Amino acid sequence: MKIIQSRSFKRKVKKFGKQDKEVLDKQVVEIAKTPYIGTEKKGDLCGVFIHKFKLKNIEYLLSYRFIRDDLELIMIGPHENYYRDLKNYLKVR
């Protein structure tokens, strides 16, 4: 399985500190091992999975989806306005 990062995902991760990136890497490995760990969304976001985890006492959401045999990491961020931004990002793509 190949892991692909979207441009939005890469931009957000660049702003993370070293410890935050380590926690994120563990979450990505966990997703790669058990791909359906997140919850699949319905409606506009059909086919997109959301994995929730804590980072410095803030709940972060990581969205991903499967493209053939590959795993695409779409977006990461705190809950506030997350789904609105995710819908806008996917609409543009």
N, C-alpha and C. Protein backbone atom coordinates (compact mmCIF):
# COMPACT_ATOMS: atom_id res chain seq x y z
N MET A 1 0.84 -1.18 0.00
CA MET A 1 0.00 0.00 0.00
C MET A 1 0.89 1.25 0.00
N LYS A 2 0.63 2.12 -0.92
CA LYS A 2 1.37 3.36 -1.04
C LYS A 2 0.57 4.47 -0.32
N ILE A 3 1.26 5.31 0.44
CA ILE A 3 0.59 6.41 1.15
C ILE A 3 0.88 7.71 0.42
N ILE A 4 -0.20 8.38 0.00
CA ILE A 4 -0.10 9.63 -0.75
C ILE A 4 -0.58 10.78 0.14
N GLN A 5 0.14 11.88 0.12
CA GLN A 5 -0.26 13.07 0.90
C GLN A 5 -0.77 14.15 -0.05
N SER A 6 -1.91 14.72 0.27
CA SER A 6 -2.42 15.83 -0.54
C SER A 6 -1.61 17.09 -0.22
N ARG A 7 -1.74 18.07 -1.06
CA ARG A 7 -1.02 19.33 -0.86
C ARG A 7 -1.45 20.00 0.45
N SER A 8 -2.74 19.98 0.74
CA SER A 8 -3.27 20.56 1.98
C SER A 8 -2.68 19.87 3.21
N PHE A 9 -2.61 18.55 3.16
CA PHE A 9 -2.05 17.77 4.27
C PHE A 9 -0.59 18.13 4.50
N LYS A 10 0.19 18.20 3.42
CA LYS A 10 1.61 18.53 3.53
C LYS A 10 1.83 19.90 4.16
N ARG A 11 1.02 20.88 3.73
CA ARG A 11 1.15 22.24 4.26
C ARG A 11 0.91 22.29 5.76
N LYS A 12 -0.11 21.59 6.22
CA LYS A 12 -0.44 21.59 7.66
C LYS A 12 0.65 20.88 8.47
N VAL A 13 1.17 19.78 7.95
CA VAL A 13 2.17 19.00 8.68
C VAL A 13 3.47 19.77 8.82
N LYS A 14 3.79 20.61 7.85
CA LYS A 14 5.02 21.43 7.92
C LYS A 14 5.04 22.30 9.17
N LYS A 15 3.87 22.72 9.63
CA LYS A 15 3.76 23.61 10.78
C LYS A 15 3.86 22.87 12.12
N PHE A 16 3.81 21.55 12.09
CA PHE A 16 3.87 20.75 13.31
C PHE A 16 5.29 20.72 13.85
N GLY A 17 5.41 20.57 15.17
CA GLY A 17 6.71 20.40 15.81
C GLY A 17 7.17 18.95 15.70
N LYS A 18 8.36 18.69 16.17
CA LYS A 18 8.93 17.35 16.05
C LYS A 18 8.10 16.31 16.81
N GLN A 19 7.70 16.63 18.05
CA GLN A 19 6.91 15.68 18.84
C GLN A 19 5.54 15.44 18.21
N ASP A 20 4.94 16.49 17.67
CA ASP A 20 3.63 16.35 17.04
C ASP A 20 3.72 15.47 15.80
N LYS A 21 4.82 15.61 15.05
CA LYS A 21 5.00 14.78 13.86
C LYS A 21 5.17 13.31 14.23
N GLU A 22 5.82 13.04 15.38
CA GLU A 22 5.98 11.66 15.83
C GLU A 22 4.63 11.05 16.17
N VAL A 23 3.78 11.80 16.85
CA VAL A 23 2.43 11.32 17.18
C VAL A 23 1.64 11.09 15.90
N LEU A 24 1.75 12.02 14.96
CA LEU A 24 1.05 11.89 13.68
C LEU A 24 1.52 10.65 12.91
N ASP A 25 2.83 10.42 12.91
CA ASP A 25 3.38 9.25 12.22
C ASP A 25 2.81 7.95 12.80
N LYS A 26 2.68 7.91 14.13
CA LYS A 26 2.11 6.72 14.78
C LYS A 26 0.67 6.52 14.34
N GLN A 27 -0.08 7.61 14.21
CA GLN A 27 -1.47 7.51 13.79
C GLN A 27 -1.57 7.03 12.34
N VAL A 28 -0.68 7.51 11.48
CA VAL A 28 -0.69 7.11 10.08
C VAL A 28 -0.34 5.63 9.95
N VAL A 29 0.62 5.17 10.74
CA VAL A 29 0.98 3.74 10.74
C VAL A 29 -0.21 2.91 11.21
N GLU A 30 -0.90 3.39 12.22
CA GLU A 30 -2.08 2.69 12.74
C GLU A 30 -3.17 2.59 11.67
N ILE A 31 -3.36 3.66 10.91
CA ILE A 31 -4.34 3.66 9.83
C ILE A 31 -3.92 2.68 8.74
N ALA A 32 -2.62 2.65 8.43
CA ALA A 32 -2.13 1.75 7.39
C ALA A 32 -2.31 0.28 7.80
N LYS A 33 -2.16 -0.01 9.10
CA LYS A 33 -2.32 -1.38 9.58
C LYS A 33 -3.79 -1.79 9.58
N THR A 34 -4.65 -0.91 10.08
CA THR A 34 -6.09 -1.20 10.14
C THR A 34 -6.82 -0.06 9.44
N PRO A 35 -6.97 -0.13 8.12
CA PRO A 35 -7.50 0.98 7.32
C PRO A 35 -8.90 1.46 7.70
N TYR A 36 -9.73 0.58 8.24
CA TYR A 36 -11.10 0.99 8.55
C TYR A 36 -11.26 1.41 10.01
N ILE A 37 -10.17 1.91 10.61
CA ILE A 37 -10.21 2.38 11.99
C ILE A 37 -11.06 3.65 12.12
N GLY A 38 -11.05 4.46 11.08
CA GLY A 38 -11.85 5.69 11.08
C GLY A 38 -13.29 5.40 10.71
N THR A 39 -14.12 6.42 10.85
CA THR A 39 -15.53 6.27 10.49
C THR A 39 -15.76 6.82 9.09
N GLU A 40 -16.50 6.07 8.29
CA GLU A 40 -16.78 6.52 6.93
C GLU A 40 -17.92 7.53 6.97
N LYS A 41 -17.77 8.59 6.23
CA LYS A 41 -18.78 9.65 6.18
C LYS A 41 -19.81 9.35 5.11
N LYS A 42 -20.93 10.03 5.21
CA LYS A 42 -22.04 9.82 4.27
C LYS A 42 -22.32 11.12 3.52
N GLY A 43 -23.14 11.05 2.53
CA GLY A 43 -23.55 12.24 1.78
C GLY A 43 -22.45 12.79 0.91
N ASP A 44 -22.18 14.09 1.07
CA ASP A 44 -21.15 14.76 0.26
C ASP A 44 -19.77 14.14 0.44
N LEU A 45 -19.51 13.60 1.61
CA LEU A 45 -18.18 13.06 1.92
C LEU A 45 -18.14 11.54 1.83
N CYS A 46 -18.99 10.96 1.02
CA CYS A 46 -19.05 9.50 0.87
C CYS A 46 -17.69 9.00 0.36
N GLY A 47 -17.18 7.96 1.01
CA GLY A 47 -15.88 7.40 0.62
C GLY A 47 -14.71 7.97 1.39
N VAL A 48 -14.97 8.98 2.22
CA VAL A 48 -13.92 9.61 3.02
C VAL A 48 -14.04 9.09 4.45
N PHE A 49 -12.91 8.71 5.03
CA PHE A 49 -12.87 8.23 6.40
C PHE A 49 -12.24 9.30 7.28
N ILE A 50 -12.72 9.41 8.53
CA ILE A 50 -12.19 10.38 9.50
C ILE A 50 -11.66 9.62 10.70
N HIS A 51 -10.41 9.87 11.04
CA HIS A 51 -9.79 9.28 12.22
C HIS A 51 -9.53 10.41 13.22
N LYS A 52 -10.01 10.25 14.45
CA LYS A 52 -9.85 11.28 15.48
C LYS A 52 -8.78 10.85 16.47
N PHE A 53 -7.94 11.82 16.87
CA PHE A 53 -6.91 11.55 17.88
C PHE A 53 -6.56 12.86 18.58
N LYS A 54 -5.95 12.73 19.77
CA LYS A 54 -5.60 13.90 20.57
C LYS A 54 -4.14 14.27 20.33
N LEU A 55 -3.91 15.58 20.28
CA LEU A 55 -2.56 16.12 20.11
C LEU A 55 -2.49 17.34 21.01
N LYS A 56 -1.72 17.26 22.08
CA LYS A 56 -1.62 18.36 23.05
C LYS A 56 -3.01 18.79 23.55
N ASN A 57 -3.80 17.84 23.99
CA ASN A 57 -5.14 18.08 24.53
C ASN A 57 -6.12 18.69 23.54
N ILE A 58 -5.80 18.67 22.27
CA ILE A 58 -6.71 19.16 21.23
C ILE A 58 -7.05 17.98 20.35
N GLU A 59 -8.34 17.80 20.08
CA GLU A 59 -8.75 16.69 19.22
C GLU A 59 -8.53 17.08 17.76
N TYR A 60 -7.74 16.27 17.07
CA TYR A 60 -7.47 16.49 15.65
C TYR A 60 -8.22 15.45 14.83
N LEU A 61 -8.60 15.84 13.64
CA LEU A 61 -9.27 14.94 12.71
C LEU A 61 -8.36 14.77 11.50
N LEU A 62 -8.21 13.53 11.08
CA LEU A 62 -7.40 13.22 9.91
C LEU A 62 -8.31 12.52 8.92
N SER A 63 -8.47 13.10 7.74
CA SER A 63 -9.32 12.50 6.73
C SER A 63 -8.46 11.77 5.70
N TYR A 64 -8.97 10.63 5.28
CA TYR A 64 -8.26 9.82 4.29
C TYR A 64 -9.26 9.05 3.47
N ARG A 65 -8.79 8.55 2.33
CA ARG A 65 -9.62 7.72 1.47
C ARG A 65 -8.72 6.77 0.69
N PHE A 66 -9.37 5.79 0.09
CA PHE A 66 -8.64 4.79 -0.68
C PHE A 66 -8.80 5.06 -2.16
N ILE A 67 -7.69 5.07 -2.87
CA ILE A 67 -7.69 5.19 -4.31
C ILE A 67 -6.99 3.94 -4.83
N ARG A 68 -7.79 3.02 -5.36
CA ARG A 68 -7.34 1.69 -5.74
C ARG A 68 -6.69 1.02 -4.52
N ASP A 69 -5.40 0.72 -4.58
CA ASP A 69 -4.72 0.09 -3.45
C ASP A 69 -3.94 1.11 -2.61
N ASP A 70 -4.04 2.38 -2.94
CA ASP A 70 -3.29 3.42 -2.24
C ASP A 70 -4.14 4.11 -1.19
N LEU A 71 -3.47 4.69 -0.21
CA LEU A 71 -4.12 5.44 0.86
C LEU A 71 -3.77 6.91 0.68
N GLU A 72 -4.78 7.77 0.50
CA GLU A 72 -4.54 9.20 0.35
C GLU A 72 -4.91 9.91 1.63
N LEU A 73 -3.95 10.62 2.22
CA LEU A 73 -4.18 11.44 3.39
C LEU A 73 -4.63 12.81 2.88
N ILE A 74 -5.88 13.16 3.13
CA ILE A 74 -6.46 14.35 2.51
C ILE A 74 -6.20 15.61 3.32
N MET A 75 -6.59 15.59 4.60
CA MET A 75 -6.53 16.83 5.38
C MET A 75 -6.40 16.49 6.86
N ILE A 76 -5.79 17.39 7.62
CA ILE A 76 -5.68 17.25 9.07
C ILE A 76 -5.94 18.60 9.70
N GLY A 77 -6.55 18.59 10.87
CA GLY A 77 -6.80 19.84 11.57
C GLY A 77 -7.71 19.65 12.76
N PRO A 78 -7.88 20.70 13.57
CA PRO A 78 -8.81 20.63 14.70
C PRO A 78 -10.25 20.63 14.19
N HIS A 79 -11.18 20.31 15.05
CA HIS A 79 -12.57 20.10 14.66
C HIS A 79 -13.27 21.35 14.12
N GLU A 80 -12.89 22.51 14.62
CA GLU A 80 -13.57 23.76 14.24
C GLU A 80 -13.50 24.00 12.73
N ASN A 81 -14.64 24.07 12.09
CA ASN A 81 -14.79 24.31 10.65
C ASN A 81 -14.12 23.25 9.79
N TYR A 82 -13.78 22.11 10.35
CA TYR A 82 -13.05 21.07 9.61
C TYR A 82 -13.86 20.52 8.44
N TYR A 83 -15.10 20.15 8.71
CA TYR A 83 -15.91 19.53 7.66
C TYR A 83 -16.24 20.52 6.55
N ARG A 84 -16.45 21.78 6.90
CA ARG A 84 -16.70 22.81 5.88
C ARG A 84 -15.48 22.94 4.96
N ASP A 85 -14.29 23.02 5.57
CA ASP A 85 -13.06 23.15 4.79
C ASP A 85 -12.79 21.90 3.95
N LEU A 86 -13.11 20.74 4.51
CA LEU A 86 -12.90 19.49 3.78
C LEU A 86 -13.81 19.42 2.56
N LYS A 87 -15.06 19.80 2.72
CA LYS A 87 -15.99 19.80 1.59
C LYS A 87 -15.53 20.76 0.50
N ASN A 88 -15.08 21.95 0.91
CA ASN A 88 -14.58 22.92 -0.06
C ASN A 88 -13.34 22.40 -0.79
N TYR A 89 -12.44 21.77 -0.07
CA TYR A 89 -11.22 21.23 -0.66
C TYR A 89 -11.55 20.14 -1.68
N LEU A 90 -12.46 19.24 -1.33
CA LEU A 90 -12.80 18.15 -2.23
C LEU A 90 -13.60 18.64 -3.44
N LYS A 91 -14.37 19.71 -3.25
CA LYS A 91 -15.16 20.27 -4.36
C LYS A 91 -14.23 20.87 -5.41
N VAL A 92 -13.16 21.51 -4.98
CA VAL A 92 -12.21 22.15 -5.89
C VAL A 92 -11.43 21.10 -6.67
N ARG A 93 -11.09 19.99 -6.01
CA ARG A 93 -10.30 18.94 -6.66
C ARG A 93 -11.15 18.21 -7.56
